[in-house]
Amino acid sequence: MTTDEIIADWITVSNAHDTTGYLSFFTDDTTLDDISVGDVFEGHEGLQRYFEDYVIGYSTQTRLVSITPEDGHLHVVVDFTGSFPEGQIGGYFDMTFTGDKISFMRADLL
């Protein structure tokens, strides 16, 4: 499976609000640095808190816009819709993979 396919599957699982499925895309020691919320989430416990608070909590749906390789990571541009104040907003994830799992991710809004 290519990283593009993994990202597409990850978005599908995220949009289904499947917490177990979401966590399966990450290494056990993944770090998620979300600049837009001003917090860093460590490991599956932190990722679960992030997913439940910001994805499920705001009924977030994500649409893939583009994937661009950059300096050892993938720059993934997305659009978010949900029950957050803006209703729709762009964002990005810079993802580093270890094998077929995400091992580091930086997130921010556009």
C-alpha atoms as a PDB file:
ATOM      1  CA  MET A   1       0.000   0.000   0.000  1.00  0.00           C
ATOM      2  CA  THR A   2       1.384   3.437  -0.896  1.00  0.00           C
ATOM      3  CA  THR A   3       1.479   6.342   1.543  1.00  0.00           C
ATOM      4  CA  ASP A   4      -1.151   8.110  -0.614  1.00  0.00           C
ATOM      5  CA  GLU A   5      -3.459   5.103  -0.150  1.00  0.00           C
ATOM      6  CA  ILE A   6      -2.727   5.006   3.592  1.00  0.00           C
ATOM      7  CA  ILE A   7      -3.618   8.704   3.919  1.00  0.00           C
ATOM      8  CA  ALA A   8      -6.831   8.221   1.916  1.00  0.00           C
ATOM      9  CA  ASP A   9      -7.798   5.280   4.162  1.00  0.00           C
ATOM     10  CA  TRP A  10      -6.880   7.274   7.286  1.00  0.00           C
ATOM     11  CA  ILE A  11      -9.196  10.097   6.207  1.00  0.00           C
ATOM     12  CA  THR A  12     -12.016   7.626   5.507  1.00  0.00           C
ATOM     13  CA  VAL A  13     -11.650   6.092   8.981  1.00  0.00           C
ATOM     14  CA  SER A  14     -11.402   9.562  10.558  1.00  0.00           C
ATOM     15  CA  ASN A  15     -14.609  10.646   8.832  1.00  0.00           C
ATOM     16  CA  ALA A  16     -16.335   7.518  10.171  1.00  0.00           C
ATOM     17  CA  HIS A  17     -15.285   8.644  13.696  1.00  0.00           C
ATOM     18  CA  ASP A  18     -13.779   5.188  14.307  1.00  0.00           C
ATOM     19  CA  THR A  19     -11.360   5.715  17.210  1.00  0.00           C
ATOM     20  CA  THR A  20      -9.822   2.232  17.113  1.00  0.00           C
ATOM     21  CA  GLY A  21      -9.369   2.423  13.355  1.00  0.00           C
ATOM     22  CA  TYR A  22      -7.872   5.924  13.636  1.00  0.00           C
ATOM     23  CA  LEU A  23      -5.282   4.807  16.188  1.00  0.00           C
ATOM     24  CA  SER A  24      -4.276   1.826  14.033  1.00  0.00           C
ATOM     25  CA  PHE A  25      -2.615   4.199  11.533  1.00  0.00           C
ATOM     26  CA  PHE A  26      -0.057   5.407  14.123  1.00  0.00           C
ATOM     27  CA  THR A  27       3.005   3.952  15.812  1.00  0.00           C
ATOM     28  CA  ASP A  28       2.616   3.452  19.565  1.00  0.00           C
ATOM     29  CA  ASP A  29       4.960   6.377  20.263  1.00  0.00           C
ATOM     30  CA  THR A  30       3.593   8.849  17.707  1.00  0.00           C
ATOM     31  CA  THR A  31       3.754  12.552  18.501  1.00  0.00           C
ATOM     32  CA  LEU A  32       1.066  14.885  17.152  1.00  0.00           C
ATOM     33  CA  ASP A  33       1.967  18.577  17.425  1.00  0.00           C
ATOM     34  CA  ASP A  34      -1.165  20.588  16.629  1.00  0.00           C
ATOM     35  CA  ILE A  35      -0.157  24.227  16.369  1.00  0.00           C
ATOM     36  CA  SER A  36      -3.770  25.374  15.937  1.00  0.00           C
ATOM     37  CA  VAL A  37      -4.830  24.043  19.353  1.00  0.00           C
ATOM     38  CA  GLY A  38      -1.479  24.792  21.004  1.00  0.00           C
ATOM     39  CA  ASP A  39      -0.893  21.290  22.319  1.00  0.00           C
ATOM     40  CA  VAL A  40       1.239  18.210  21.723  1.00  0.00           C
ATOM     41  CA  PHE A  41      -0.351  14.759  21.959  1.00  0.00           C
ATOM     42  CA  GLU A  42       1.875  11.775  22.766  1.00  0.00           C
ATOM     43  CA  GLY A  43       1.258   8.100  22.036  1.00  0.00           C
ATOM     44  CA  HIS A  44      -2.081   6.410  21.503  1.00  0.00           C
ATOM     45  CA  GLU A  45      -3.512   7.860  24.726  1.00  0.00           C
ATOM     46  CA  GLY A  46      -2.810  11.413  23.588  1.00  0.00           C
ATOM     47  CA  LEU A  47      -3.996  10.701  20.040  1.00  0.00           C
ATOM     48  CA  GLN A  48      -7.251   9.271  21.360  1.00  0.00           C
ATOM     49  CA  ARG A  49      -7.849  12.416  23.427  1.00  0.00           C
ATOM     50  CA  TYR A  50      -7.118  14.583  20.355  1.00  0.00           C
ATOM     51  CA  PHE A  51      -9.386  12.509  18.090  1.00  0.00           C
ATOM     52  CA  GLU A  52     -12.279  12.446  20.545  1.00  0.00           C
ATOM     53  CA  ASP A  53     -12.022  16.158  21.439  1.00  0.00           C
ATOM     54  CA  TYR A  54     -11.376  17.703  18.020  1.00  0.00           C
ATOM     55  CA  VAL A  55     -12.611  15.243  15.408  1.00  0.00           C
ATOM     56  CA  ILE A  56     -15.540  13.481  17.052  1.00  0.00           C
ATOM     57  CA  GLY A  57     -16.303  16.422  19.381  1.00  0.00           C
ATOM     58  CA  TYR A  58     -16.768  18.814  16.456  1.00  0.00           C
ATOM     59  CA  SER A  59     -18.288  16.248  14.060  1.00  0.00           C
ATOM     60  CA  THR A  60     -15.316  16.981  11.806  1.00  0.00           C
ATOM     61  CA  GLN A  61     -15.254  15.703   8.242  1.00  0.00           C
ATOM     62  CA  THR A  62     -12.010  15.928   6.301  1.00  0.00           C
ATOM     63  CA  ARG A  63     -11.515  16.195   2.535  1.00  0.00           C
ATOM     64  CA  LEU A  64      -8.116  15.566   0.976  1.00  0.00           C
ATOM     65  CA  VAL A  65      -6.871  18.431  -1.218  1.00  0.00           C
ATOM     66  CA  SER A  66      -3.275  17.420  -1.982  1.00  0.00           C
ATOM     67  CA  ILE A  67      -0.271  15.366  -0.910  1.00  0.00           C
ATOM     68  CA  THR A  68       3.228  16.708  -1.567  1.00  0.00           C
ATOM     69  CA  PRO A  69       6.539  15.052  -0.559  1.00  0.00           C
ATOM     70  CA  GLU A  70       8.782  17.553   1.291  1.00  0.00           C
ATOM     71  CA  ASP A  71      12.146  16.969   3.018  1.00  0.00           C
ATOM     72  CA  GLY A  72      11.439  13.472   4.370  1.00  0.00           C
ATOM     73  CA  HIS A  73       7.776  13.976   5.199  1.00  0.00           C
ATOM     74  CA  LEU A  74       4.473  14.360   3.384  1.00  0.00           C
ATOM     75  CA  HIS A  75       2.675  17.702   3.360  1.00  0.00           C
ATOM     76  CA  VAL A  76      -1.039  16.869   3.298  1.00  0.00           C
ATOM     77  CA  VAL A  77      -3.472  19.722   2.635  1.00  0.00           C
ATOM     78  CA  VAL A  78      -7.102  19.180   3.659  1.00  0.00           C
ATOM     79  CA  ASP A  79     -10.419  20.956   4.115  1.00  0.00           C
ATOM     80  CA  PHE A  80     -12.332  20.492   7.359  1.00  0.00           C
ATOM     81  CA  THR A  81     -16.061  20.913   7.909  1.00  0.00           C
ATOM     82  CA  GLY A  82     -17.786  20.504  11.244  1.00  0.00           C
ATOM     83  CA  SER A  83     -19.581  22.127  14.145  1.00  0.00           C
ATOM     84  CA  PHE A  84     -16.629  24.363  15.072  1.00  0.00           C
ATOM     85  CA  PRO A  85     -17.169  28.156  14.853  1.00  0.00           C
ATOM     86  CA  GLU A  86     -15.866  28.582  11.282  1.00  0.00           C
ATOM     87  CA  GLY A  87     -17.942  25.688   9.913  1.00  0.00           C
ATOM     88  CA  GLN A  88     -15.328  25.088   7.199  1.00  0.00           C
ATOM     89  CA  ILE A  89     -11.605  25.762   7.183  1.00  0.00           C
ATOM     90  CA  GLY A  90      -8.458  24.544   5.474  1.00  0.00           C
ATOM     91  CA  GLY A  91      -5.626  22.811   7.237  1.00  0.00           C
ATOM     92  CA  TYR A  92      -2.553  20.697   6.770  1.00  0.00           C
ATOM     93  CA  PHE A  93      -0.700  17.766   8.265  1.00  0.00           C
ATOM     94  CA  ASP A  94       3.040  17.213   7.889  1.00  0.00           C
ATOM     95  CA  MET A  95       3.409  13.449   8.321  1.00  0.00           C
ATOM     96  CA  THR A  96       6.479  11.306   8.854  1.00  0.00           C
ATOM     97  CA  PHE A  97       6.125   7.557   8.391  1.00  0.00           C
ATOM     98  CA  THR A  98       7.931   4.614   9.930  1.00  0.00           C
ATOM     99  CA  GLY A  99       7.083   1.747   7.608  1.00  0.00           C
ATOM    100  CA  ASP A 100       3.361   2.016   6.919  1.00  0.00           C
ATOM    101  CA  LYS A 101       2.520   3.871  10.165  1.00  0.00           C
ATOM    102  CA  ILE A 102       2.516   7.574  10.976  1.00  0.00           C
ATOM    103  CA  SER A 103       5.272   8.263  13.530  1.00  0.00           C
ATOM    104  CA  PHE A 104       5.103  12.069  13.709  1.00  0.00           C
ATOM    105  CA  MET A 105       2.501  14.571  12.617  1.00  0.00           C
ATOM    106  CA  ARG A 106       2.372  18.366  12.767  1.00  0.00           C
ATOM    107  CA  ALA A 107      -1.046  19.908  12.184  1.00  0.00           C
ATOM    108  CA  ASP A 108      -2.224  23.460  11.674  1.00  0.00           C
ATOM    109  CA  LEU A 109      -5.024  25.428  10.073  1.00  0.00           C
ATOM    110  CA  LEU A 110      -4.581  27.491   6.916  1.00  0.00           C
END
